[in-house]
Amino acid sequence: MRHKKSFNHLGRKSGHRKAMLANMASSLILHKRIETTLAKAKALRVYVEPLITKSKEDSTHSRRTVFAYLKQKEAVAELFRNVAPKIADRPGGYTRVLKTGFRQGDAAEMAMIELVDFNEAALAAAKPEAKKSTTRRGRSRRSKSSAEASPTAAQTAKETPAKEAPKAEAKTEVPAKETPAKETPAKETPAKAEAKDTPTKEAPKAE
């Protein structure tokens, strides 16, 4: 009976299922990416991720335990030599499952399973994000620097009225220049005085 056996049997007996998952896990470790059905990809993820965690401790016991599941020396060597150093800092989630559509023959849902740390395209796309974060930090620093520079601007704004004061004095001087124009009647007064002198000269003629 299958009481409380909730995992996917994949339509196979236990021996066939274990052999298939061992072959798929070895192919995933060697090629870093394989394409299969979505159900098999999900079952493979549960099968291979504990083995990758086991590879973080490079010991004879770990190698023998992993070899009991994979059954391929080349896959075990690749796992401990190349894969384990890259996933050493990752606490889990070593694989990624991506849906790719439906198979043409039987319309089975297909998927691609890959190792996260070996996808060069995803790693290259993650690099500009780090650059954006640095630019954001730079902008924050610039904003801080502008905020620090703002008191100097306020000081210059306070200093500008002191520089404008001479301009106001120059405007007050403009009426001083206009006063000579008002003094023109003062210049005319001598002419009037001469005009007054002329009758005094004509007075003796009248006598």
Protein backbone atom coordinates (compact mmCIF):
# COMPACT_ATOMS: atom_id res chain seq x y z
CA MET A 1 0.00 0.00 0.00
CA ARG A 2 1.08 3.60 -0.59
CA HIS A 3 -0.10 5.13 2.66
CA LYS A 4 1.56 8.51 3.32
CA LYS A 5 3.83 8.20 0.28
CA SER A 6 3.27 11.69 -1.08
CA PHE A 7 6.24 11.89 -3.48
CA ASN A 8 5.78 11.55 -7.23
CA HIS A 9 6.30 7.94 -8.38
CA LEU A 10 6.70 9.13 -11.99
CA GLY A 11 4.85 6.04 -13.26
CA ARG A 12 7.79 3.74 -12.42
CA LYS A 13 8.80 1.12 -9.91
CA SER A 14 11.32 2.13 -7.24
CA GLY A 15 14.34 0.52 -8.97
CA HIS A 16 13.60 2.18 -12.30
CA ARG A 17 12.88 5.53 -10.64
CA LYS A 18 16.10 5.55 -8.57
CA ALA A 19 18.23 4.62 -11.59
CA MET A 20 16.63 7.35 -13.68
CA LEU A 21 17.13 10.02 -11.01
CA ALA A 22 20.76 8.92 -10.52
CA ASN A 23 21.44 9.27 -14.25
CA MET A 24 19.70 12.65 -14.41
CA ALA A 25 21.59 13.93 -11.34
CA SER A 26 24.90 12.87 -12.86
CA SER A 27 24.02 14.59 -16.14
CA LEU A 28 23.05 17.75 -14.29
CA ILE A 29 26.34 17.83 -12.38
CA LEU A 30 28.42 17.17 -15.50
CA HIS A 31 26.56 19.46 -17.93
CA LYS A 32 25.20 22.01 -15.40
CA ARG A 33 21.85 22.12 -17.29
CA ILE A 34 19.42 19.55 -18.65
CA GLU A 35 15.94 19.66 -20.19
CA THR A 36 13.22 17.24 -19.11
CA THR A 37 9.58 17.20 -18.10
CA LEU A 38 8.43 19.46 -15.28
CA ALA A 39 7.51 16.52 -13.01
CA LYS A 40 10.94 14.91 -13.43
CA ALA A 41 12.68 18.26 -12.88
CA LYS A 42 10.88 18.79 -9.57
CA ALA A 43 11.68 15.22 -8.46
CA LEU A 44 15.32 15.67 -9.49
CA ARG A 45 15.64 18.88 -7.49
CA VAL A 46 14.61 17.06 -4.32
CA TYR A 47 17.04 14.25 -5.17
CA VAL A 48 20.18 16.23 -6.04
CA GLU A 49 20.19 19.18 -3.64
CA PRO A 50 20.93 17.08 -0.52
CA LEU A 51 23.88 15.58 -2.42
CA ILE A 52 25.21 19.05 -3.23
CA THR A 53 24.92 20.01 0.43
CA LYS A 54 26.81 16.82 1.32
CA SER A 55 29.63 17.81 -1.03
CA LYS A 56 30.48 20.89 1.06
CA GLU A 57 32.41 18.60 3.41
CA ASP A 58 35.12 16.95 1.32
CA SER A 59 35.80 13.72 3.18
CA THR A 60 35.96 10.04 2.33
CA HIS A 61 32.66 9.39 4.05
CA SER A 62 30.93 12.18 2.09
CA ARG A 63 32.33 10.93 -1.22
CA ARG A 64 31.17 7.38 -0.54
CA THR A 65 27.69 8.55 0.47
CA VAL A 66 27.33 10.65 -2.69
CA PHE A 67 28.69 7.83 -4.85
CA ALA A 68 26.00 5.50 -3.46
CA TYR A 69 23.40 7.84 -5.01
CA LEU A 70 25.11 8.93 -8.23
CA LYS A 71 26.97 5.69 -9.12
CA GLN A 72 29.40 7.56 -11.41
CA LYS A 73 32.98 8.43 -10.48
CA GLU A 74 33.16 11.29 -12.97
CA ALA A 75 30.08 12.97 -11.53
CA VAL A 76 31.37 12.58 -7.96
CA ALA A 77 34.74 14.08 -8.91
CA GLU A 78 33.09 17.00 -10.72
CA LEU A 79 30.79 17.64 -7.77
CA PHE A 80 33.55 17.81 -5.16
CA ARG A 81 36.18 19.56 -7.30
CA ASN A 82 34.23 22.22 -9.24
CA VAL A 83 30.68 22.50 -7.97
CA ALA A 84 31.31 22.43 -4.21
CA PRO A 85 33.71 25.44 -4.15
CA LYS A 86 31.20 27.62 -6.01
CA ILE A 87 28.23 26.78 -3.80
CA ALA A 88 30.18 26.93 -0.54
CA ASP A 89 28.61 30.24 0.53
CA ARG A 90 25.07 29.41 -0.62
CA PRO A 91 22.81 28.06 2.18
CA GLY A 92 20.51 26.20 -0.23
CA GLY A 93 18.57 26.54 -3.46
CA TYR A 94 21.36 25.27 -5.70
CA THR A 95 19.09 24.56 -8.69
CA ARG A 96 16.60 26.54 -10.76
CA VAL A 97 13.61 25.13 -12.69
CA LEU A 98 12.44 27.09 -15.74
CA LYS A 99 9.36 26.13 -17.72
CA THR A 100 9.97 25.91 -21.48
CA GLY A 101 6.54 25.09 -22.89
CA PHE A 102 4.87 21.88 -24.04
CA ARG A 103 6.26 18.91 -25.94
CA GLN A 104 4.86 18.55 -29.42
CA GLY A 105 4.17 14.78 -29.35
CA ASP A 106 2.18 14.35 -26.13
CA ALA A 107 1.84 17.97 -24.91
CA ALA A 108 3.84 17.19 -21.76
CA GLU A 109 4.92 20.27 -19.83
CA MET A 110 8.67 20.69 -20.33
CA ALA A 111 11.19 22.43 -18.10
CA MET A 112 14.88 23.18 -17.82
CA ILE A 113 16.74 22.55 -14.57
CA GLU A 114 20.15 24.12 -14.03
CA LEU A 115 22.70 24.93 -11.36
CA VAL A 116 22.25 28.51 -10.24
CA ASP A 117 25.93 29.39 -9.79
CA PHE A 118 26.89 28.20 -13.29
CA ASN A 119 24.44 30.30 -15.32
CA GLU A 120 26.73 32.93 -16.85
CA ALA A 121 23.86 34.95 -18.33
CA ALA A 122 22.14 35.32 -14.96
CA LEU A 123 25.41 36.22 -13.25
CA ALA A 124 26.19 38.81 -15.94
CA ALA A 125 22.72 40.29 -15.52
CA ALA A 126 23.24 40.54 -11.77
CA LYS A 127 26.41 42.66 -12.17
CA PRO A 128 24.65 45.83 -13.42
CA GLU A 129 22.40 45.66 -10.35
CA ALA A 130 25.47 45.93 -8.18
CA LYS A 131 26.56 48.94 -10.25
CA LYS A 132 23.16 50.54 -9.76
CA SER A 133 23.45 50.10 -6.04
CA THR A 134 26.84 51.83 -6.14
CA THR A 135 25.36 54.69 -8.15
CA ARG A 136 22.57 55.02 -5.61
CA ARG A 137 25.13 55.22 -2.85
CA GLY A 138 27.00 57.79 -4.89
CA ARG A 139 23.83 59.82 -5.31
CA SER A 140 23.20 59.72 -1.59
CA ARG A 141 26.72 60.91 -1.00
CA ARG A 142 26.21 63.68 -3.52
CA SER A 143 22.99 64.70 -1.82
CA LYS A 144 24.81 64.77 1.51
CA SER A 145 27.59 66.83 -0.03
CA SER A 146 25.03 69.23 -1.51
CA ALA A 147 23.35 69.48 1.89
CA GLU A 148 26.70 70.26 3.44
CA ALA A 149 27.38 72.80 0.73
CA SER A 150 24.02 74.50 1.23
CA PRO A 151 25.17 76.57 4.29
CA THR A 152 27.92 78.07 2.17
CA ALA A 153 25.31 79.01 -0.39
CA ALA A 154 23.26 80.61 2.37
CA GLN A 155 26.31 82.50 3.52
CA THR A 156 26.92 83.72 -0.01
CA ALA A 157 23.25 84.72 -0.21
CA LYS A 158 23.71 86.71 2.99
CA GLU A 159 26.86 88.28 1.62
CA THR A 160 25.18 89.37 -1.61
CA PRO A 161 23.07 92.15 0.02
CA ALA A 162 26.27 93.65 1.40
CA LYS A 163 27.63 93.74 -2.15
CA GLU A 164 24.40 95.29 -3.41
CA ALA A 165 24.64 98.17 -0.93
CA PRO A 166 27.12 100.08 -3.09
CA LYS A 167 24.64 99.71 -5.97
CA ALA A 168 22.04 101.47 -3.83
CA GLU A 169 24.53 104.26 -3.12
CA ALA A 170 25.13 104.54 -6.84
CA LYS A 171 21.40 105.05 -7.30
CA THR A 172 21.41 107.77 -4.67
CA GLU A 173 24.17 109.47 -6.56
CA VAL A 174 21.96 109.76 -9.62
CA PRO A 175 19.99 112.73 -8.11
CA ALA A 176 23.33 114.30 -7.27
CA LYS A 177 24.13 114.25 -11.00
CA GLU A 178 20.72 115.72 -11.78
CA THR A 179 21.29 118.70 -9.45
CA PRO A 180 23.48 120.49 -12.00
CA ALA A 181 20.49 120.35 -14.35
CA LYS A 182 18.51 122.16 -11.66
CA GLU A 183 21.36 124.64 -11.26
CA THR A 184 20.82 125.87 -14.81
CA PRO A 185 18.57 128.66 -13.52
CA ALA A 186 21.49 129.68 -11.35
CA LYS A 187 23.52 130.03 -14.53
CA GLU A 188 20.73 132.11 -16.10
CA THR A 189 20.74 134.57 -13.18
CA PRO A 190 23.94 136.28 -14.44
CA ALA A 191 22.23 136.78 -17.77
CA LYS A 192 19.30 138.41 -16.05
CA ALA A 193 21.72 140.53 -14.04
CA GLU A 194 23.31 141.75 -17.30
CA ALA A 195 19.86 142.52 -18.64
CA LYS A 196 19.21 144.61 -15.54
CA ASP A 197 22.54 146.40 -16.04
CA THR A 198 21.66 147.48 -19.54
CA PRO A 199 18.79 149.74 -18.44
CA THR A 200 21.10 151.35 -15.95
CA LYS A 201 23.39 152.22 -18.85
CA GLU A 202 20.46 153.59 -20.89
CA ALA A 203 19.32 155.78 -18.01
CA PRO A 204 22.00 158.38 -18.59
CA LYS A 205 21.03 158.45 -22.27
CA ALA A 206 17.51 159.35 -21.25
CA GLU A 207 18.87 162.29 -19.25
